[in-house]
Amino acid sequence: RAASVDTDPILPSFSTKEEYTSYLKAAGALPSGFAVGTATGNFVSVEAPAMGKLPIKATVIHLTEGPTDSWAAVFTSNKFPGCPVIVGKSRLSGGHPLQALVINNKVSNVCPGGDGIAAAELV
C-alpha cells in the first residue's frame, strides 16, 4: 500500500485526469492499520414523521489492528449535546479503548425517544 503524503498548500495543475486521480489517491491514502467506509440512506423521524424521508450519511473509521488506549477527541461545546457526544466524552474520561469512530450527520439524537444513551452505546 502506498504511503500517504501531505497535500500541497496550493493544488498543482494537472494535464490529465489520470494524473489528477493519481495525486488524489496518494494524498488520500490512509495510514497502515486504518480502514474507512461510508454509507447513505434515508430515515423517517419518529418525532416528526410529517417531514418524510430525511437523508443520512455515516462514515466509519476502523482500527484494523485492534483497540487502542491512545486517542483524543474534540466535541461540541453545545450545552445540550446529543447522546453520542455524551457517550464519547464518558469513554474519553473513563480511559476506555477505542477501535472505531462512527460519524453521522443529520441525526444528532439530542432528544431521542427511549434510551438515547443505550442506542449510542449500541452503535
N, C-alpha and C. Protein backbone atom coordinates (compact mmCIF):
# COMPACT_ATOMS: atom_id res chain seq x y z
N ARG A 1 0.84 -1.18 0.00
CA ARG A 1 0.00 0.00 0.00
C ARG A 1 0.88 1.24 0.00
N ALA A 2 0.54 2.21 -0.80
CA ALA A 2 1.32 3.44 -0.88
C ALA A 2 1.14 4.26 0.39
N ALA A 3 2.20 4.90 0.82
CA ALA A 3 2.12 5.77 1.99
C ALA A 3 1.42 7.06 1.60
N SER A 4 0.69 7.62 2.55
CA SER A 4 0.02 8.88 2.26
C SER A 4 1.04 10.02 2.29
N VAL A 5 0.72 11.05 1.58
CA VAL A 5 1.57 12.24 1.54
C VAL A 5 0.69 13.44 1.84
N ASP A 6 1.30 14.48 2.38
CA ASP A 6 0.54 15.70 2.61
C ASP A 6 0.21 16.34 1.28
N THR A 7 -0.94 16.97 1.22
CA THR A 7 -1.29 17.70 0.01
C THR A 7 -0.49 19.00 -0.03
N ASP A 8 -0.27 19.46 -1.21
CA ASP A 8 0.47 20.71 -1.38
C ASP A 8 -0.38 21.88 -0.90
N PRO A 9 0.25 22.93 -0.36
CA PRO A 9 -0.53 24.09 0.09
C PRO A 9 -1.37 24.70 -1.04
N ILE A 10 -0.83 24.63 -2.24
CA ILE A 10 -1.56 25.10 -3.43
C ILE A 10 -1.65 23.90 -4.36
N LEU A 11 -2.86 23.55 -4.74
CA LEU A 11 -3.06 22.39 -5.60
C LEU A 11 -2.35 22.60 -6.93
N PRO A 12 -1.48 21.67 -7.33
CA PRO A 12 -0.78 21.83 -8.60
C PRO A 12 -1.72 21.66 -9.79
N SER A 13 -1.25 22.05 -10.95
CA SER A 13 -2.02 21.84 -12.19
C SER A 13 -1.77 20.42 -12.69
N PHE A 14 -2.76 19.86 -13.35
CA PHE A 14 -2.65 18.51 -13.88
C PHE A 14 -3.00 18.55 -15.36
N SER A 15 -2.24 17.78 -16.16
CA SER A 15 -2.52 17.78 -17.59
C SER A 15 -3.52 16.71 -18.00
N THR A 16 -3.71 15.70 -17.13
CA THR A 16 -4.67 14.65 -17.47
C THR A 16 -5.51 14.29 -16.24
N LYS A 17 -6.63 13.67 -16.50
CA LYS A 17 -7.48 13.18 -15.42
C LYS A 17 -6.75 12.11 -14.62
N GLU A 18 -5.99 11.27 -15.31
CA GLU A 18 -5.25 10.19 -14.65
C GLU A 18 -4.20 10.75 -13.68
N GLU A 19 -3.53 11.81 -14.09
CA GLU A 19 -2.52 12.46 -13.24
C GLU A 19 -3.18 13.02 -11.97
N TYR A 20 -4.34 13.64 -12.15
CA TYR A 20 -5.09 14.20 -11.03
C TYR A 20 -5.56 13.09 -10.09
N THR A 21 -6.11 12.02 -10.65
CA THR A 21 -6.59 10.89 -9.85
C THR A 21 -5.45 10.25 -9.08
N SER A 22 -4.31 10.08 -9.70
CA SER A 22 -3.14 9.50 -9.05
C SER A 22 -2.70 10.37 -7.87
N TYR A 23 -2.70 11.68 -8.05
CA TYR A 23 -2.34 12.61 -6.98
C TYR A 23 -3.31 12.47 -5.80
N LEU A 24 -4.62 12.41 -6.09
CA LEU A 24 -5.61 12.30 -5.02
C LEU A 24 -5.48 10.98 -4.27
N LYS A 25 -5.21 9.89 -4.98
CA LYS A 25 -5.06 8.59 -4.32
C LYS A 25 -3.86 8.60 -3.38
N ALA A 26 -2.76 9.20 -3.79
CA ALA A 26 -1.57 9.27 -2.94
C ALA A 26 -1.81 10.17 -1.73
N ALA A 27 -2.46 11.30 -1.94
CA ALA A 27 -2.70 12.25 -0.86
C ALA A 27 -3.77 11.74 0.10
N GLY A 28 -4.68 10.91 -0.38
CA GLY A 28 -5.78 10.45 0.44
C GLY A 28 -5.60 9.07 1.04
N ALA A 29 -4.44 8.46 0.84
CA ALA A 29 -4.22 7.11 1.38
C ALA A 29 -4.22 7.14 2.90
N LEU A 30 -4.81 6.14 3.51
CA LEU A 30 -4.85 6.05 4.96
C LEU A 30 -3.57 5.44 5.49
N PRO A 31 -3.19 5.81 6.70
CA PRO A 31 -2.03 5.16 7.32
C PRO A 31 -2.31 3.68 7.53
N SER A 32 -1.28 2.89 7.63
CA SER A 32 -1.42 1.46 7.89
C SER A 32 -2.21 1.25 9.17
N GLY A 33 -3.12 0.28 9.16
CA GLY A 33 -3.90 -0.03 10.35
C GLY A 33 -5.25 0.66 10.41
N PHE A 34 -5.58 1.47 9.40
CA PHE A 34 -6.85 2.17 9.36
C PHE A 34 -7.66 1.73 8.15
N ALA A 35 -8.97 1.65 8.31
CA ALA A 35 -9.88 1.39 7.21
C ALA A 35 -11.04 2.38 7.35
N VAL A 36 -11.68 2.69 6.25
CA VAL A 36 -12.79 3.64 6.29
C VAL A 36 -13.91 3.14 5.39
N GLY A 37 -15.13 3.44 5.77
CA GLY A 37 -16.29 3.10 4.96
C GLY A 37 -17.34 4.18 5.10
N THR A 38 -18.20 4.28 4.11
CA THR A 38 -19.28 5.26 4.17
C THR A 38 -20.58 4.60 3.74
N ALA A 39 -21.67 5.18 4.18
CA ALA A 39 -22.99 4.70 3.78
C ALA A 39 -23.96 5.87 3.77
N THR A 40 -24.95 5.78 2.91
CA THR A 40 -26.00 6.78 2.87
C THR A 40 -27.34 6.08 2.96
N GLY A 41 -28.33 6.79 3.38
CA GLY A 41 -29.66 6.20 3.46
C GLY A 41 -30.69 7.26 3.77
N ASN A 42 -31.87 6.82 4.10
CA ASN A 42 -32.95 7.70 4.48
C ASN A 42 -33.59 7.17 5.75
N PHE A 43 -34.19 8.05 6.51
CA PHE A 43 -34.93 7.64 7.69
C PHE A 43 -36.13 8.57 7.86
N VAL A 44 -37.11 8.09 8.59
CA VAL A 44 -38.27 8.90 8.94
C VAL A 44 -38.21 9.13 10.44
N SER A 45 -38.16 10.38 10.85
CA SER A 45 -38.07 10.73 12.25
C SER A 45 -39.33 10.29 12.99
N VAL A 46 -39.16 9.58 14.09
CA VAL A 46 -40.29 9.16 14.91
C VAL A 46 -40.98 10.39 15.50
N GLU A 47 -40.17 11.40 15.86
CA GLU A 47 -40.71 12.60 16.49
C GLU A 47 -41.42 13.52 15.50
N ALA A 48 -41.05 13.45 14.23
CA ALA A 48 -41.64 14.36 13.22
C ALA A 48 -41.84 13.63 11.90
N PRO A 49 -42.71 12.63 11.85
CA PRO A 49 -42.89 11.84 10.63
C PRO A 49 -43.40 12.66 9.44
N ALA A 50 -44.05 13.79 9.71
CA ALA A 50 -44.55 14.62 8.61
C ALA A 50 -43.43 15.18 7.75
N MET A 51 -42.21 15.17 8.27
CA MET A 51 -41.07 15.65 7.48
C MET A 51 -40.71 14.66 6.37
N GLY A 52 -41.25 13.45 6.44
CA GLY A 52 -40.98 12.45 5.41
C GLY A 52 -39.58 11.86 5.54
N LYS A 53 -39.12 11.27 4.45
CA LYS A 53 -37.79 10.66 4.44
C LYS A 53 -36.72 11.75 4.47
N LEU A 54 -35.78 11.59 5.37
CA LEU A 54 -34.67 12.52 5.50
C LEU A 54 -33.37 11.79 5.18
N PRO A 55 -32.42 12.47 4.52
CA PRO A 55 -31.16 11.81 4.18
C PRO A 55 -30.25 11.68 5.40
N ILE A 56 -29.45 10.64 5.41
CA ILE A 56 -28.45 10.45 6.45
C ILE A 56 -27.19 9.92 5.79
N LYS A 57 -26.05 10.36 6.29
CA LYS A 57 -24.76 9.87 5.83
C LYS A 57 -23.96 9.44 7.05
N ALA A 58 -23.21 8.38 6.91
CA ALA A 58 -22.37 7.91 8.01
C ALA A 58 -21.00 7.52 7.46
N THR A 59 -20.00 7.79 8.26
CA THR A 59 -18.63 7.38 7.95
C THR A 59 -18.11 6.60 9.14
N VAL A 60 -17.46 5.49 8.87
CA VAL A 60 -16.84 4.68 9.93
C VAL A 60 -15.34 4.65 9.68
N ILE A 61 -14.59 4.97 10.71
CA ILE A 61 -13.13 4.84 10.67
C ILE A 61 -12.79 3.73 11.65
N HIS A 62 -12.13 2.70 11.16
CA HIS A 62 -11.89 1.48 11.94
C HIS A 62 -10.40 1.21 12.08
N LEU A 63 -9.98 0.88 13.28
CA LEU A 63 -8.58 0.48 13.52
C LEU A 63 -8.51 -1.03 13.28
N THR A 64 -7.85 -1.43 12.21
CA THR A 64 -7.84 -2.83 11.81
C THR A 64 -6.96 -3.71 12.69
N GLU A 65 -6.08 -3.11 13.45
CA GLU A 65 -5.16 -3.90 14.28
C GLU A 65 -5.65 -4.02 15.72
N GLY A 66 -6.89 -3.63 15.99
CA GLY A 66 -7.46 -3.77 17.33
C GLY A 66 -7.59 -2.44 18.05
N PRO A 67 -8.20 -2.46 19.23
CA PRO A 67 -8.44 -1.24 20.00
C PRO A 67 -7.13 -0.59 20.47
N THR A 68 -7.22 0.70 20.75
CA THR A 68 -6.09 1.45 21.27
C THR A 68 -6.53 2.28 22.46
N ASP A 69 -5.63 2.46 23.41
CA ASP A 69 -5.87 3.36 24.54
C ASP A 69 -5.38 4.77 24.23
N SER A 70 -4.68 4.93 23.10
CA SER A 70 -4.11 6.23 22.73
C SER A 70 -5.03 6.95 21.76
N TRP A 71 -5.92 7.76 22.29
CA TRP A 71 -6.81 8.52 21.42
C TRP A 71 -7.24 9.80 22.11
N ALA A 72 -7.66 10.73 21.30
CA ALA A 72 -8.15 12.02 21.79
C ALA A 72 -9.36 12.38 20.95
N ALA A 73 -10.11 13.35 21.39
CA ALA A 73 -11.30 13.75 20.65
C ALA A 73 -11.60 15.23 20.87
N VAL A 74 -12.34 15.79 19.94
CA VAL A 74 -12.85 17.15 20.05
C VAL A 74 -14.36 17.05 19.96
N PHE A 75 -15.05 17.61 20.92
CA PHE A 75 -16.51 17.53 20.97
C PHE A 75 -17.12 18.92 20.86
N THR A 76 -18.39 18.95 20.55
CA THR A 76 -19.12 20.20 20.51
C THR A 76 -19.10 20.87 21.88
N SER A 77 -19.17 22.19 21.88
CA SER A 77 -19.28 22.92 23.14
C SER A 77 -20.74 23.24 23.45
N ASN A 78 -21.65 22.70 22.66
CA ASN A 78 -23.08 22.90 22.85
C ASN A 78 -23.48 22.48 24.26
N LYS A 79 -24.31 23.27 24.92
CA LYS A 79 -24.75 22.95 26.28
C LYS A 79 -25.77 21.81 26.32
N PHE A 80 -26.27 21.42 25.16
CA PHE A 80 -27.29 20.36 25.07
C PHE A 80 -26.84 19.36 24.00
N PRO A 81 -25.74 18.62 24.26
CA PRO A 81 -25.21 17.71 23.23
C PRO A 81 -26.06 16.45 23.06
N GLY A 82 -25.93 15.83 21.92
CA GLY A 82 -26.62 14.57 21.65
C GLY A 82 -26.00 13.43 22.43
N CYS A 83 -26.72 12.33 22.49
CA CYS A 83 -26.27 11.16 23.24
C CYS A 83 -24.93 10.61 22.76
N PRO A 84 -24.65 10.58 21.44
CA PRO A 84 -23.33 10.10 21.02
C PRO A 84 -22.19 10.95 21.59
N VAL A 85 -22.41 12.24 21.77
CA VAL A 85 -21.39 13.12 22.36
C VAL A 85 -21.21 12.78 23.84
N ILE A 86 -22.31 12.57 24.53
CA ILE A 86 -22.24 12.20 25.96
C ILE A 86 -21.47 10.89 26.13
N VAL A 87 -21.77 9.91 25.29
CA VAL A 87 -21.07 8.62 25.36
C VAL A 87 -19.58 8.80 25.05
N GLY A 88 -19.26 9.57 24.02
CA GLY A 88 -17.86 9.79 23.66
C GLY A 88 -17.08 10.47 24.77
N LYS A 89 -17.67 11.48 25.38
CA LYS A 89 -17.00 12.17 26.49
C LYS A 89 -16.78 11.23 27.67
N SER A 90 -17.77 10.39 27.93
CA SER A 90 -17.66 9.42 29.02
C SER A 90 -16.54 8.43 28.75
N ARG A 91 -16.47 7.95 27.52
CA ARG A 91 -15.41 6.99 27.19
C ARG A 91 -14.03 7.62 27.28
N LEU A 92 -13.91 8.87 26.84
CA LEU A 92 -12.61 9.54 26.91
C LEU A 92 -12.20 9.74 28.37
N SER A 93 -13.12 10.22 29.21
CA SER A 93 -12.77 10.46 30.61
C SER A 93 -12.55 9.16 31.37
N GLY A 94 -13.18 8.06 30.93
CA GLY A 94 -13.03 6.77 31.59
C GLY A 94 -11.82 5.98 31.13
N GLY A 95 -11.12 6.47 30.11
CA GLY A 95 -9.94 5.77 29.63
C GLY A 95 -10.23 4.50 28.86
N HIS A 96 -11.44 4.38 28.32
CA HIS A 96 -11.80 3.18 27.57
C HIS A 96 -11.07 3.13 26.22
N PRO A 97 -10.68 1.93 25.77
CA PRO A 97 -10.03 1.82 24.46
C PRO A 97 -11.01 2.11 23.33
N LEU A 98 -10.47 2.45 22.19
CA LEU A 98 -11.28 2.80 21.02
C LEU A 98 -10.81 1.97 19.84
N GLN A 99 -11.76 1.45 19.05
CA GLN A 99 -11.40 0.73 17.84
C GLN A 99 -12.05 1.31 16.60
N ALA A 100 -13.08 2.12 16.77
CA ALA A 100 -13.76 2.68 15.61
C ALA A 100 -14.46 3.99 15.98
N LEU A 101 -14.64 4.82 14.97
CA LEU A 101 -15.44 6.04 15.08
C LEU A 101 -16.60 5.91 14.12
N VAL A 102 -17.78 6.27 14.56
CA VAL A 102 -18.94 6.35 13.68
C VAL A 102 -19.33 7.82 13.64
N ILE A 103 -19.24 8.41 12.47
CA ILE A 103 -19.52 9.83 12.31
C ILE A 103 -20.78 9.96 11.47
N ASN A 104 -21.80 10.60 12.04
CA ASN A 104 -23.04 10.75 11.29
C ASN A 104 -23.35 12.23 11.09
N ASN A 105 -24.25 12.49 10.19
CA ASN A 105 -24.77 13.85 10.05
C ASN A 105 -26.27 13.76 9.90
N LYS A 106 -26.93 14.82 10.15
CA LYS A 106 -28.38 14.95 10.04
C LYS A 106 -29.14 14.32 11.20
N VAL A 107 -28.50 13.49 12.02
CA VAL A 107 -29.19 12.85 13.12
C VAL A 107 -28.36 13.09 14.38
N SER A 108 -28.77 14.05 15.18
CA SER A 108 -27.96 14.37 16.36
C SER A 108 -28.38 13.58 17.59
N ASN A 109 -29.55 12.97 17.58
CA ASN A 109 -30.04 12.20 18.73
C ASN A 109 -30.10 13.02 20.01
N VAL A 110 -30.38 14.32 19.90
CA VAL A 110 -30.43 15.18 21.07
C VAL A 110 -31.64 14.86 21.93
N CYS A 111 -32.77 14.63 21.33
CA CYS A 111 -34.00 14.33 22.08
C CYS A 111 -34.61 13.03 21.58
N PRO A 112 -33.89 11.91 21.71
CA PRO A 112 -34.45 10.66 21.21
C PRO A 112 -35.57 10.14 22.10
N GLY A 113 -36.46 9.42 21.51
CA GLY A 113 -37.44 8.71 22.32
C GLY A 113 -36.76 7.50 22.90
N GLY A 114 -37.09 7.11 24.10
CA GLY A 114 -36.47 5.94 24.69
C GLY A 114 -35.11 6.27 25.28
N ASP A 115 -34.21 5.32 25.24
CA ASP A 115 -32.90 5.48 25.87
C ASP A 115 -31.84 5.80 24.82
N GLY A 116 -31.59 7.07 24.60
CA GLY A 116 -30.62 7.51 23.60
C GLY A 116 -29.19 7.11 23.93
N ILE A 117 -28.86 7.07 25.22
CA ILE A 117 -27.52 6.65 25.64
C ILE A 117 -27.30 5.19 25.25
N ALA A 118 -28.27 4.34 25.52
CA ALA A 118 -28.17 2.92 25.16
C ALA A 118 -28.04 2.75 23.65
N ALA A 119 -28.81 3.54 22.90
CA ALA A 119 -28.74 3.45 21.44
C ALA A 119 -27.36 3.88 20.94
N ALA A 120 -26.81 4.95 21.53
CA ALA A 120 -25.48 5.41 21.14
C ALA A 120 -24.42 4.37 21.50
N GLU A 121 -24.56 3.74 22.65
CA GLU A 121 -23.63 2.68 23.05
C GLU A 121 -23.71 1.51 22.08
N LEU A 122 -24.91 1.18 21.62
CA LEU A 122 -25.08 0.07 20.69
C LEU A 122 -24.36 0.31 19.39
N VAL A 123 -24.41 1.55 18.89
CA VAL A 123 -23.71 1.88 17.65
C VAL A 123 -22.23 1.78 17.90
